[in-house]
Amino acid sequence: MGKTSAPVRRGGRLRSLTRALPLAPAVVLLLLFLAGPIAYCAYIAFTDLQLTGQAQSSFVGLENFRAAFRDDAFRNAVWLTLVFTVVSSLLGQNTLGLALASLMQRASKPVRTVVGGIVITAWVLPEVVAGFLLYAFFRREGTLNAILDWLHLPTQNWMFTLPILAVSFANVWRGTAFSMLVYSAALNEIPKEITEAAEVDGAGGWRRLWHITLPMIRRSIGTNLMLNTLQTLSVFGLIWVMTRGGPGNRSQTLPLFMYEQAFQKSMIGYGTAVALLLLVVGSLFSLVYMRLLRTEV
């Protein structure tokens, strides 16, 4: 029995190795271009590496992280990042995307084509182009103030008075298409018999939404929230084009703060430590959403 099982085990290992062999190039590339740079960045975060004025770097342990939590500008960036993420992703893109998907289900084909084309066009625009368009919309002499002036309503310099809300709205305008597409696909999977039966039983639109639609697409909601949140946490170009984090630091989210520390002030070690903290924030959001996704309806 032992003599027979040994060749069988060797044959099983050989077959497993043969099946895994085609994956070897992909694994090597991932280690080389993904895991390697991440590990090197993690190492840099514990050093005092600078771009200029330094012959060699030295290991400083957790000092960069301690300096970050003592830095008022870092705490301000964390707060603005949370505001930007909640307003533009959790509330803006998610809610507006679901509303558009629901309305387009009931709209005629020409309306669906026009609205879908407009929303998706905003999504496929390069981030820099979208930033310039929204800058022209919100600036003192921009489109929004022209409309308000035509309606005889008070105008203001939106980029100065409400910069974080201006960039949040810009991110909503640009990114809602993704949520709309996700929810359109999810709503199409709901059996019509269920909604028709609820309508016959006298359930109104809000009751059908709360008791039927949302529970049945909960997994799509969790997936959409996770992807939108991770994308929003990393937004850089849109805010940089519109405000560069200003005025002052009133729209400086963590990606802009990280860029300022690493490349404008040449403190690569400190900037990389901030990047790792941003990665931790994204991981916490992901864990919450994954926990929600594991819960069955």
C-alpha atoms as a PDB file:
ATOM      1  CA  MET A   1       0.000   0.000   0.000  1.00  0.00           C
ATOM      2  CA  GLY A   2       2.802   2.421   0.907  1.00  0.00           C
ATOM      3  CA  LYS A   3       4.680   1.656  -2.314  1.00  0.00           C
ATOM      4  CA  THR A   4       1.599   2.443  -4.373  1.00  0.00           C
ATOM      5  CA  SER A   5       0.666   5.687  -2.607  1.00  0.00           C
ATOM      6  CA  ALA A   6       4.144   7.258  -2.946  1.00  0.00           C
ATOM      7  CA  PRO A   7       4.118   7.357  -6.779  1.00  0.00           C
ATOM      8  CA  VAL A   8       0.536   8.619  -6.666  1.00  0.00           C
ATOM      9  CA  ARG A   9       1.554  11.517  -4.417  1.00  0.00           C
ATOM     10  CA  ARG A  10       4.525  12.311  -6.645  1.00  0.00           C
ATOM     11  CA  GLY A  11       2.281  12.241  -9.702  1.00  0.00           C
ATOM     12  CA  GLY A  12      -0.216  14.557  -8.015  1.00  0.00           C
ATOM     13  CA  ARG A  13       2.516  17.052  -7.118  1.00  0.00           C
ATOM     14  CA  LEU A  14       3.868  16.898 -10.661  1.00  0.00           C
ATOM     15  CA  ARG A  15       0.427  17.601 -12.130  1.00  0.00           C
ATOM     16  CA  SER A  16      -0.078  20.534  -9.732  1.00  0.00           C
ATOM     17  CA  LEU A  17       3.325  21.937 -10.692  1.00  0.00           C
ATOM     18  CA  THR A  18       2.534  21.549 -14.384  1.00  0.00           C
ATOM     19  CA  ARG A  19      -0.792  23.365 -13.991  1.00  0.00           C
ATOM     20  CA  ALA A  20       0.846  26.200 -12.040  1.00  0.00           C
ATOM     21  CA  LEU A  21       3.711  26.609 -14.515  1.00  0.00           C
ATOM     22  CA  PRO A  22       1.778  28.932 -16.927  1.00  0.00           C
ATOM     23  CA  LEU A  23       1.149  31.303 -13.999  1.00  0.00           C
ATOM     24  CA  ALA A  24       4.847  31.686 -13.244  1.00  0.00           C
ATOM     25  CA  PRO A  25       5.478  34.648 -15.609  1.00  0.00           C
ATOM     26  CA  ALA A  26       2.518  36.551 -14.140  1.00  0.00           C
ATOM     27  CA  VAL A  27       3.698  35.860 -10.587  1.00  0.00           C
ATOM     28  CA  VAL A  28       7.222  37.042 -11.453  1.00  0.00           C
ATOM     29  CA  LEU A  29       5.872  40.250 -13.022  1.00  0.00           C
ATOM     30  CA  LEU A  30       3.645  40.932  -9.993  1.00  0.00           C
ATOM     31  CA  LEU A  31       6.570  40.447  -7.628  1.00  0.00           C
ATOM     32  CA  LEU A  32       8.817  42.619  -9.775  1.00  0.00           C
ATOM     33  CA  PHE A  33       6.512  45.535 -10.577  1.00  0.00           C
ATOM     34  CA  LEU A  34       3.978  45.468  -7.707  1.00  0.00           C
ATOM     35  CA  ALA A  35       5.216  43.728  -4.575  1.00  0.00           C
ATOM     36  CA  GLY A  36       8.779  44.988  -5.044  1.00  0.00           C
ATOM     37  CA  PRO A  37       7.949  48.721  -5.267  1.00  0.00           C
ATOM     38  CA  ILE A  38       5.443  48.418  -2.396  1.00  0.00           C
ATOM     39  CA  ALA A  39       8.060  46.772  -0.186  1.00  0.00           C
ATOM     40  CA  TYR A  40      10.631  49.430  -1.113  1.00  0.00           C
ATOM     41  CA  CYS A  41       8.134  52.221  -0.345  1.00  0.00           C
ATOM     42  CA  ALA A  42       7.398  50.600   3.009  1.00  0.00           C
ATOM     43  CA  TYR A  43      11.121  50.662   3.747  1.00  0.00           C
ATOM     44  CA  ILE A  44      11.484  54.313   2.684  1.00  0.00           C
ATOM     45  CA  ALA A  45       8.650  55.299   5.051  1.00  0.00           C
ATOM     46  CA  PHE A  46      10.924  54.359   7.975  1.00  0.00           C
ATOM     47  CA  THR A  47      13.869  56.460   6.756  1.00  0.00           C
ATOM     48  CA  ASP A  48      14.639  60.183   6.468  1.00  0.00           C
ATOM     49  CA  LEU A  49      15.267  59.976   2.719  1.00  0.00           C
ATOM     50  CA  GLN A  50      15.219  63.360   0.936  1.00  0.00           C
ATOM     51  CA  LEU A  51      15.429  64.364  -2.704  1.00  0.00           C
ATOM     52  CA  THR A  52      18.060  67.065  -2.203  1.00  0.00           C
ATOM     53  CA  GLY A  53      20.638  68.157   0.353  1.00  0.00           C
ATOM     54  CA  GLN A  54      21.362  64.702   1.723  1.00  0.00           C
ATOM     55  CA  ALA A  55      24.319  62.410   1.069  1.00  0.00           C
ATOM     56  CA  GLN A  56      22.654  59.281   2.464  1.00  0.00           C
ATOM     57  CA  SER A  57      19.499  58.333   4.328  1.00  0.00           C
ATOM     58  CA  SER A  58      19.240  56.715   7.736  1.00  0.00           C
ATOM     59  CA  PHE A  59      16.658  54.547   9.462  1.00  0.00           C
ATOM     60  CA  VAL A  60      14.395  56.598  11.774  1.00  0.00           C
ATOM     61  CA  GLY A  61      11.839  53.998  12.791  1.00  0.00           C
ATOM     62  CA  LEU A  62       8.374  55.379  13.505  1.00  0.00           C
ATOM     63  CA  GLU A  63       9.477  59.007  13.627  1.00  0.00           C
ATOM     64  CA  ASN A  64       7.799  59.891  10.305  1.00  0.00           C
ATOM     65  CA  PHE A  65       4.489  58.514  11.564  1.00  0.00           C
ATOM     66  CA  ARG A  66       4.826  60.332  14.893  1.00  0.00           C
ATOM     67  CA  ALA A  67       5.588  63.551  13.013  1.00  0.00           C
ATOM     68  CA  ALA A  68       2.482  63.053  10.870  1.00  0.00           C
ATOM     69  CA  PHE A  69       0.146  62.719  13.847  1.00  0.00           C
ATOM     70  CA  ARG A  70       1.722  65.791  15.446  1.00  0.00           C
ATOM     71  CA  ASP A  71       1.310  67.803  12.236  1.00  0.00           C
ATOM     72  CA  ASP A  72      -1.794  70.017  12.135  1.00  0.00           C
ATOM     73  CA  ALA A  73      -1.614  70.071   8.312  1.00  0.00           C
ATOM     74  CA  PHE A  74      -1.749  66.269   8.230  1.00  0.00           C
ATOM     75  CA  ARG A  75      -4.770  66.147  10.532  1.00  0.00           C
ATOM     76  CA  ASN A  76      -6.460  68.776   8.374  1.00  0.00           C
ATOM     77  CA  ALA A  77      -5.732  66.671   5.284  1.00  0.00           C
ATOM     78  CA  VAL A  78      -7.224  63.579   6.948  1.00  0.00           C
ATOM     79  CA  TRP A  79     -10.391  65.490   7.837  1.00  0.00           C
ATOM     80  CA  LEU A  80     -10.745  66.958   4.326  1.00  0.00           C
ATOM     81  CA  THR A  81     -10.133  63.519   2.785  1.00  0.00           C
ATOM     82  CA  LEU A  82     -12.974  62.067   4.851  1.00  0.00           C
ATOM     83  CA  VAL A  83     -15.274  64.976   3.906  1.00  0.00           C
ATOM     84  CA  PHE A  84     -14.344  64.636   0.237  1.00  0.00           C
ATOM     85  CA  THR A  85     -14.905  60.864   0.289  1.00  0.00           C
ATOM     86  CA  VAL A  86     -18.235  60.963   2.148  1.00  0.00           C
ATOM     87  CA  VAL A  87     -19.709  63.856   0.148  1.00  0.00           C
ATOM     88  CA  SER A  88     -18.522  62.883  -3.323  1.00  0.00           C
ATOM     89  CA  SER A  89     -18.481  59.075  -3.121  1.00  0.00           C
ATOM     90  CA  LEU A  90     -20.732  57.699  -0.374  1.00  0.00           C
ATOM     91  CA  LEU A  91     -23.461  60.314  -0.784  1.00  0.00           C
ATOM     92  CA  GLY A  92     -22.942  61.878  -4.201  1.00  0.00           C
ATOM     93  CA  GLN A  93     -21.890  59.239  -6.724  1.00  0.00           C
ATOM     94  CA  ASN A  94     -23.648  56.367  -4.983  1.00  0.00           C
ATOM     95  CA  THR A  95     -27.009  58.107  -4.480  1.00  0.00           C
ATOM     96  CA  LEU A  96     -27.067  59.923  -7.814  1.00  0.00           C
ATOM     97  CA  GLY A  97     -25.975  56.792  -9.673  1.00  0.00           C
ATOM     98  CA  LEU A  98     -28.829  54.772  -8.133  1.00  0.00           C
ATOM     99  CA  ALA A  99     -31.332  57.549  -8.880  1.00  0.00           C
ATOM    100  CA  LEU A 100     -30.224  57.808 -12.519  1.00  0.00           C
ATOM    101  CA  ALA A 101     -30.299  54.030 -12.959  1.00  0.00           C
ATOM    102  CA  SER A 102     -33.840  53.858 -11.519  1.00  0.00           C
ATOM    103  CA  LEU A 103     -35.119  56.735 -13.637  1.00  0.00           C
ATOM    104  CA  MET A 104     -33.545  55.409 -16.820  1.00  0.00           C
ATOM    105  CA  GLN A 105     -35.324  52.103 -16.334  1.00  0.00           C
ATOM    106  CA  ARG A 106     -38.643  53.949 -16.698  1.00  0.00           C
ATOM    107  CA  ALA A 107     -37.513  56.407 -19.383  1.00  0.00           C
ATOM    108  CA  SER A 108     -37.953  56.061 -23.129  1.00  0.00           C
ATOM    109  CA  LYS A 109     -35.100  54.826 -25.285  1.00  0.00           C
ATOM    110  CA  PRO A 110     -34.175  58.294 -26.684  1.00  0.00           C
ATOM    111  CA  VAL A 111     -34.014  59.721 -23.155  1.00  0.00           C
ATOM    112  CA  ARG A 112     -31.873  56.806 -21.963  1.00  0.00           C
ATOM    113  CA  THR A 113     -29.514  57.275 -24.899  1.00  0.00           C
ATOM    114  CA  VAL A 114     -29.089  61.035 -24.369  1.00  0.00           C
ATOM    115  CA  VAL A 115     -28.763  60.922 -20.571  1.00  0.00           C
ATOM    116  CA  GLY A 116     -26.466  57.896 -20.631  1.00  0.00           C
ATOM    117  CA  GLY A 117     -24.263  59.504 -23.275  1.00  0.00           C
ATOM    118  CA  ILE A 118     -23.924  62.751 -21.284  1.00  0.00           C
ATOM    119  CA  VAL A 119     -23.115  60.977 -18.014  1.00  0.00           C
ATOM    120  CA  ILE A 120     -20.639  58.550 -19.559  1.00  0.00           C
ATOM    121  CA  THR A 121     -18.915  61.356 -21.487  1.00  0.00           C
ATOM    122  CA  ALA A 122     -18.100  63.051 -18.177  1.00  0.00           C
ATOM    123  CA  TRP A 123     -16.654  59.750 -16.947  1.00  0.00           C
ATOM    124  CA  VAL A 124     -14.383  59.072 -19.926  1.00  0.00           C
ATOM    125  CA  LEU A 125     -12.949  62.594 -20.029  1.00  0.00           C
ATOM    126  CA  PRO A 126      -9.332  62.775 -18.850  1.00  0.00           C
ATOM    127  CA  GLU A 127      -9.084  63.921 -15.259  1.00  0.00           C
ATOM    128  CA  VAL A 128      -7.154  67.061 -16.206  1.00  0.00           C
ATOM    129  CA  VAL A 129      -9.748  68.066 -18.808  1.00  0.00           C
ATOM    130  CA  ALA A 130     -12.587  67.484 -16.345  1.00  0.00           C
ATOM    131  CA  GLY A 131     -10.735  69.594 -13.775  1.00  0.00           C
ATOM    132  CA  PHE A 132     -10.389  72.531 -16.169  1.00  0.00           C
ATOM    133  CA  LEU A 133     -14.071  72.304 -17.142  1.00  0.00           C
ATOM    134  CA  LEU A 134     -15.199  72.382 -13.526  1.00  0.00           C
ATOM    135  CA  TYR A 135     -12.740  75.140 -12.717  1.00  0.00           C
ATOM    136  CA  ALA A 136     -14.327  77.215 -15.477  1.00  0.00           C
ATOM    137  CA  PHE A 137     -17.745  76.386 -14.028  1.00  0.00           C
ATOM    138  CA  PHE A 138     -16.966  77.410 -10.430  1.00  0.00           C
ATOM    139  CA  ARG A 139     -14.520  80.329 -10.862  1.00  0.00           C
ATOM    140  CA  ARG A 140     -15.634  83.879 -10.021  1.00  0.00           C
ATOM    141  CA  GLU A 141     -16.315  84.714 -13.676  1.00  0.00           C
ATOM    142  CA  GLY A 142     -17.524  81.182 -14.409  1.00  0.00           C
ATOM    143  CA  THR A 143     -20.692  79.568 -15.666  1.00  0.00           C
ATOM    144  CA  LEU A 144     -22.316  79.021 -12.270  1.00  0.00           C
ATOM    145  CA  ASN A 145     -22.088  82.673 -11.274  1.00  0.00           C
ATOM    146  CA  ALA A 146     -23.346  83.712 -14.710  1.00  0.00           C
ATOM    147  CA  ILE A 147     -26.432  81.545 -14.216  1.00  0.00           C
ATOM    148  CA  LEU A 148     -27.004  82.883 -10.687  1.00  0.00           C
ATOM    149  CA  ASP A 149     -26.593  86.452 -11.901  1.00  0.00           C
ATOM    150  CA  TRP A 150     -29.122  85.841 -14.695  1.00  0.00           C
ATOM    151  CA  LEU A 151     -31.553  84.528 -12.056  1.00  0.00           C
ATOM    152  CA  HIS A 152     -30.834  87.626  -9.882  1.00  0.00           C
ATOM    153  CA  LEU A 153     -29.402  85.436  -7.129  1.00  0.00           C
ATOM    154  CA  PRO A 154     -26.277  86.291  -5.091  1.00  0.00           C
ATOM    155  CA  THR A 155     -22.957  85.109  -6.483  1.00  0.00           C
ATOM    156  CA  GLN A 156     -19.679  84.302  -4.751  1.00  0.00           C
ATOM    157  CA  ASN A 157     -16.194  83.007  -5.399  1.00  0.00           C
ATOM    158  CA  TRP A 158     -16.939  79.304  -4.932  1.00  0.00           C
ATOM    159  CA  MET A 159     -13.293  78.289  -5.248  1.00  0.00           C
ATOM    160  CA  PHE A 160     -12.492  80.487  -2.255  1.00  0.00           C
ATOM    161  CA  THR A 161     -15.547  80.168  -0.014  1.00  0.00           C
ATOM    162  CA  LEU A 162     -16.366  76.453  -0.486  1.00  0.00           C
ATOM    163  CA  PRO A 163     -13.356  74.809  -2.152  1.00  0.00           C
ATOM    164  CA  ILE A 164     -13.783  71.301  -0.706  1.00  0.00           C
ATOM    165  CA  LEU A 165     -17.446  71.216  -1.740  1.00  0.00           C
ATOM    166  CA  ALA A 166     -16.546  72.501  -5.212  1.00  0.00           C
ATOM    167  CA  VAL A 167     -14.039  69.690  -5.800  1.00  0.00           C
ATOM    168  CA  SER A 168     -16.486  67.189  -4.259  1.00  0.00           C
ATOM    169  CA  PHE A 169     -19.161  68.230  -6.745  1.00  0.00           C
ATOM    170  CA  ALA A 170     -16.595  67.950  -9.546  1.00  0.00           C
ATOM    171  CA  ASN A 171     -15.812  64.376  -8.506  1.00  0.00           C
ATOM    172  CA  VAL A 172     -19.536  63.560  -8.382  1.00  0.00           C
ATOM    173  CA  TRP A 173     -20.009  64.978 -11.888  1.00  0.00           C
ATOM    174  CA  ARG A 174     -17.097  62.976 -13.230  1.00  0.00           C
ATOM    175  CA  GLY A 175     -17.591  59.643 -11.474  1.00  0.00           C
ATOM    176  CA  THR A 176     -21.364  59.079 -11.265  1.00  0.00           C
ATOM    177  CA  ALA A 177     -21.417  57.122 -14.535  1.00  0.00           C
ATOM    178  CA  PHE A 178     -19.680  54.125 -12.939  1.00  0.00           C
ATOM    179  CA  SER A 179     -22.318  53.870 -10.194  1.00  0.00           C
ATOM    180  CA  MET A 180     -25.084  54.312 -12.747  1.00  0.00           C
ATOM    181  CA  LEU A 181     -23.768  51.409 -14.841  1.00  0.00           C
ATOM    182  CA  VAL A 182     -23.342  49.149 -11.804  1.00  0.00           C
ATOM    183  CA  TYR A 183     -26.852  49.839 -10.533  1.00  0.00           C
ATOM    184  CA  SER A 184     -28.412  49.576 -13.998  1.00  0.00           C
ATOM    185  CA  ALA A 185     -27.017  46.054 -14.302  1.00  0.00           C
ATOM    186  CA  ALA A 186     -28.176  45.184 -10.766  1.00  0.00           C
ATOM    187  CA  LEU A 187     -31.700  46.535 -11.276  1.00  0.00           C
ATOM    188  CA  ASN A 188     -32.069  44.560 -14.506  1.00  0.00           C
ATOM    189  CA  GLU A 189     -31.425  41.361 -12.524  1.00  0.00           C
ATOM    190  CA  ILE A 190     -34.431  41.910 -10.232  1.00  0.00           C
ATOM    191  CA  PRO A 191     -37.311  39.667 -11.404  1.00  0.00           C
ATOM    192  CA  LYS A 192     -40.194  41.796 -12.664  1.00  0.00           C
ATOM    193  CA  GLU A 193     -42.664  39.396 -11.080  1.00  0.00           C
ATOM    194  CA  ILE A 194     -41.544  40.466  -7.599  1.00  0.00           C
ATOM    195  CA  THR A 195     -41.959  44.203  -8.202  1.00  0.00           C
ATOM    196  CA  GLU A 196     -45.259  43.684 -10.032  1.00  0.00           C
ATOM    197  CA  ALA A 197     -46.612  41.568  -7.151  1.00  0.00           C
ATOM    198  CA  ALA A 198     -45.608  44.239  -4.644  1.00  0.00           C
ATOM    199  CA  GLU A 199     -47.287  46.906  -6.783  1.00  0.00           C
ATOM    200  CA  VAL A 200     -50.487  44.837  -6.958  1.00  0.00           C
ATOM    201  CA  ASP A 201     -50.398  44.485  -3.156  1.00  0.00           C
ATOM    202  CA  GLY A 202     -50.438  48.288  -2.887  1.00  0.00           C
ATOM    203  CA  ALA A 203     -46.784  48.974  -2.102  1.00  0.00           C
ATOM    204  CA  GLY A 204     -45.800  52.483  -3.177  1.00  0.00           C
ATOM    205  CA  GLY A 205     -42.587  53.464  -4.892  1.00  0.00           C
ATOM    206  CA  TRP A 206     -40.658  54.230  -1.687  1.00  0.00           C
ATOM    207  CA  ARG A 207     -41.787  51.007   0.003  1.00  0.00           C
ATOM    208  CA  ARG A 208     -40.772  48.958  -3.034  1.00  0.00           C
ATOM    209  CA  LEU A 209     -37.412  50.702  -3.048  1.00  0.00           C
ATOM    210  CA  TRP A 210     -36.764  50.158   0.666  1.00  0.00           C
ATOM    211  CA  HIS A 211     -38.152  46.635   1.099  1.00  0.00           C
ATOM    212  CA  ILE A 212     -37.467  45.050  -2.304  1.00  0.00           C
ATOM    213  CA  THR A 213     -34.991  46.931  -4.485  1.00  0.00           C
ATOM    214  CA  LEU A 214     -32.309  47.849  -1.944  1.00  0.00           C
ATOM    215  CA  PRO A 215     -32.195  44.421  -0.212  1.00  0.00           C
ATOM    216  CA  MET A 216     -31.953  42.621  -3.552  1.00  0.00           C
ATOM    217  CA  ILE A 217     -29.082  44.760  -4.848  1.00  0.00           C
ATOM    218  CA  ARG A 218     -27.253  45.049  -1.530  1.00  0.00           C
ATOM    219  CA  ARG A 219     -24.204  43.174  -2.782  1.00  0.00           C
ATOM    220  CA  SER A 220     -23.951  45.513  -5.775  1.00  0.00           C
ATOM    221  CA  ILE A 221     -24.235  48.479  -3.412  1.00  0.00           C
ATOM    222  CA  GLY A 222     -21.381  47.158  -1.279  1.00  0.00           C
ATOM    223  CA  THR A 223     -19.175  46.476  -4.304  1.00  0.00           C
ATOM    224  CA  ASN A 224     -19.902  49.889  -5.790  1.00  0.00           C
ATOM    225  CA  LEU A 225     -19.210  51.664  -2.501  1.00  0.00           C
ATOM    226  CA  MET A 226     -15.896  49.867  -2.060  1.00  0.00           C
ATOM    227  CA  LEU A 227     -14.642  50.616  -5.582  1.00  0.00           C
ATOM    228  CA  ASN A 228     -15.876  54.224  -5.494  1.00  0.00           C
ATOM    229  CA  THR A 229     -14.329  54.863  -2.092  1.00  0.00           C
ATOM    230  CA  LEU A 230     -10.916  53.509  -3.081  1.00  0.00           C
ATOM    231  CA  GLN A 231     -10.961  55.555  -6.279  1.00  0.00           C
ATOM    232  CA  THR A 232     -12.023  58.720  -4.453  1.00  0.00           C
ATOM    233  CA  LEU A 233      -9.334  58.355  -1.792  1.00  0.00           C
ATOM    234  CA  SER A 234      -6.686  58.483  -4.531  1.00  0.00           C
ATOM    235  CA  VAL A 235      -8.060  61.454  -6.510  1.00  0.00           C
ATOM    236  CA  PHE A 236      -5.218  63.872  -7.201  1.00  0.00           C
ATOM    237  CA  GLY A 237      -5.347  65.433 -10.658  1.00  0.00           C
ATOM    238  CA  LEU A 238      -8.897  66.779 -10.400  1.00  0.00           C
ATOM    239  CA  ILE A 239      -8.222  68.677  -7.155  1.00  0.00           C
ATOM    240  CA  TRP A 240      -4.755  69.775  -8.274  1.00  0.00           C
ATOM    241  CA  VAL A 241      -6.095  71.348 -11.462  1.00  0.00           C
ATOM    242  CA  MET A 242      -9.006  73.074  -9.712  1.00  0.00           C
ATOM    243  CA  THR A 243      -7.473  74.377  -6.477  1.00  0.00           C
ATOM    244  CA  ARG A 244      -3.975  72.880  -5.919  1.00  0.00           C
ATOM    245  CA  GLY A 245      -5.209  72.206  -2.397  1.00  0.00           C
ATOM    246  CA  GLY A 246      -5.992  75.854  -1.703  1.00  0.00           C
ATOM    247  CA  PRO A 247      -6.792  78.451  -0.855  1.00  0.00           C
ATOM    248  CA  GLY A 248      -4.296  77.837   1.924  1.00  0.00           C
ATOM    249  CA  ASN A 249      -4.866  74.143   2.620  1.00  0.00           C
ATOM    250  CA  ARG A 250      -8.681  74.193   2.645  1.00  0.00           C
ATOM    251  CA  SER A 251      -8.995  71.563  -0.105  1.00  0.00           C
ATOM    252  CA  GLN A 252      -5.745  69.694   0.505  1.00  0.00           C
ATOM    253  CA  THR A 253      -6.612  66.017   0.762  1.00  0.00           C
ATOM    254  CA  LEU A 254      -4.073  63.335   1.678  1.00  0.00           C
ATOM    255  CA  PRO A 255      -2.823  62.680  -1.900  1.00  0.00           C
ATOM    256  CA  LEU A 256      -2.047  66.401  -2.324  1.00  0.00           C
ATOM    257  CA  PHE A 257      -0.468  66.609   1.139  1.00  0.00           C
ATOM    258  CA  MET A 258       1.664  63.573   0.315  1.00  0.00           C
ATOM    259  CA  TYR A 259       2.763  65.135  -2.987  1.00  0.00           C
ATOM    260  CA  GLU A 260       3.648  68.413  -1.257  1.00  0.00           C
ATOM    261  CA  GLN A 261       5.777  66.734   1.397  1.00  0.00           C
ATOM    262  CA  ALA A 262       7.519  64.300  -0.955  1.00  0.00           C
ATOM    263  CA  PHE A 263       8.159  66.370  -4.078  1.00  0.00           C
ATOM    264  CA  GLN A 264       7.766  70.043  -3.187  1.00  0.00           C
ATOM    265  CA  LYS A 265       9.495  69.876   0.200  1.00  0.00           C
ATOM    266  CA  SER A 266      11.730  66.957  -0.898  1.00  0.00           C
ATOM    267  CA  MET A 267      10.902  64.832   2.179  1.00  0.00           C
ATOM    268  CA  ILE A 268      10.469  61.489   0.438  1.00  0.00           C
ATOM    269  CA  GLY A 269      10.502  59.456   3.655  1.00  0.00           C
ATOM    270  CA  TYR A 270       7.800  61.544   5.307  1.00  0.00           C
ATOM    271  CA  GLY A 271       5.678  61.656   2.142  1.00  0.00           C
ATOM    272  CA  THR A 272       5.898  57.880   1.767  1.00  0.00           C
ATOM    273  CA  ALA A 273       4.824  57.427   5.392  1.00  0.00           C
ATOM    274  CA  VAL A 274       1.728  59.527   4.621  1.00  0.00           C
ATOM    275  CA  ALA A 275       1.099  57.320   1.580  1.00  0.00           C
ATOM    276  CA  LEU A 276       1.178  54.224   3.804  1.00  0.00           C
ATOM    277  CA  LEU A 277      -1.299  55.851   6.189  1.00  0.00           C
ATOM    278  CA  LEU A 278      -3.571  56.558   3.209  1.00  0.00           C
ATOM    279  CA  LEU A 279      -3.257  52.892   2.274  1.00  0.00           C
ATOM    280  CA  VAL A 280      -4.343  51.969   5.810  1.00  0.00           C
ATOM    281  CA  VAL A 281      -7.410  54.225   5.511  1.00  0.00           C
ATOM    282  CA  GLY A 282      -8.355  52.555   2.227  1.00  0.00           C
ATOM    283  CA  SER A 283      -7.834  49.119   3.769  1.00  0.00           C
ATOM    284  CA  LEU A 284     -10.160  49.958   6.664  1.00  0.00           C
ATOM    285  CA  PHE A 285     -12.898  51.027   4.257  1.00  0.00           C
ATOM    286  CA  SER A 286     -12.349  47.827   2.245  1.00  0.00           C
ATOM    287  CA  LEU A 287     -12.627  45.633   5.347  1.00  0.00           C
ATOM    288  CA  VAL A 288     -15.926  47.248   6.293  1.00  0.00           C
ATOM    289  CA  TYR A 289     -17.370  46.747   2.806  1.00  0.00           C
ATOM    290  CA  MET A 290     -16.085  43.173   2.555  1.00  0.00           C
ATOM    291  CA  ARG A 291     -17.753  42.408   5.878  1.00  0.00           C
ATOM    292  CA  LEU A 292     -21.002  43.774   4.489  1.00  0.00           C
ATOM    293  CA  LEU A 293     -20.599  41.733   1.317  1.00  0.00           C
ATOM    294  CA  ARG A 294     -20.103  38.515   3.302  1.00  0.00           C
ATOM    295  CA  THR A 295     -23.445  39.017   5.030  1.00  0.00           C
ATOM    296  CA  GLU A 296     -26.134  37.237   3.086  1.00  0.00           C
ATOM    297  CA  VAL A 297     -29.418  38.940   2.286  1.00  0.00           C
END
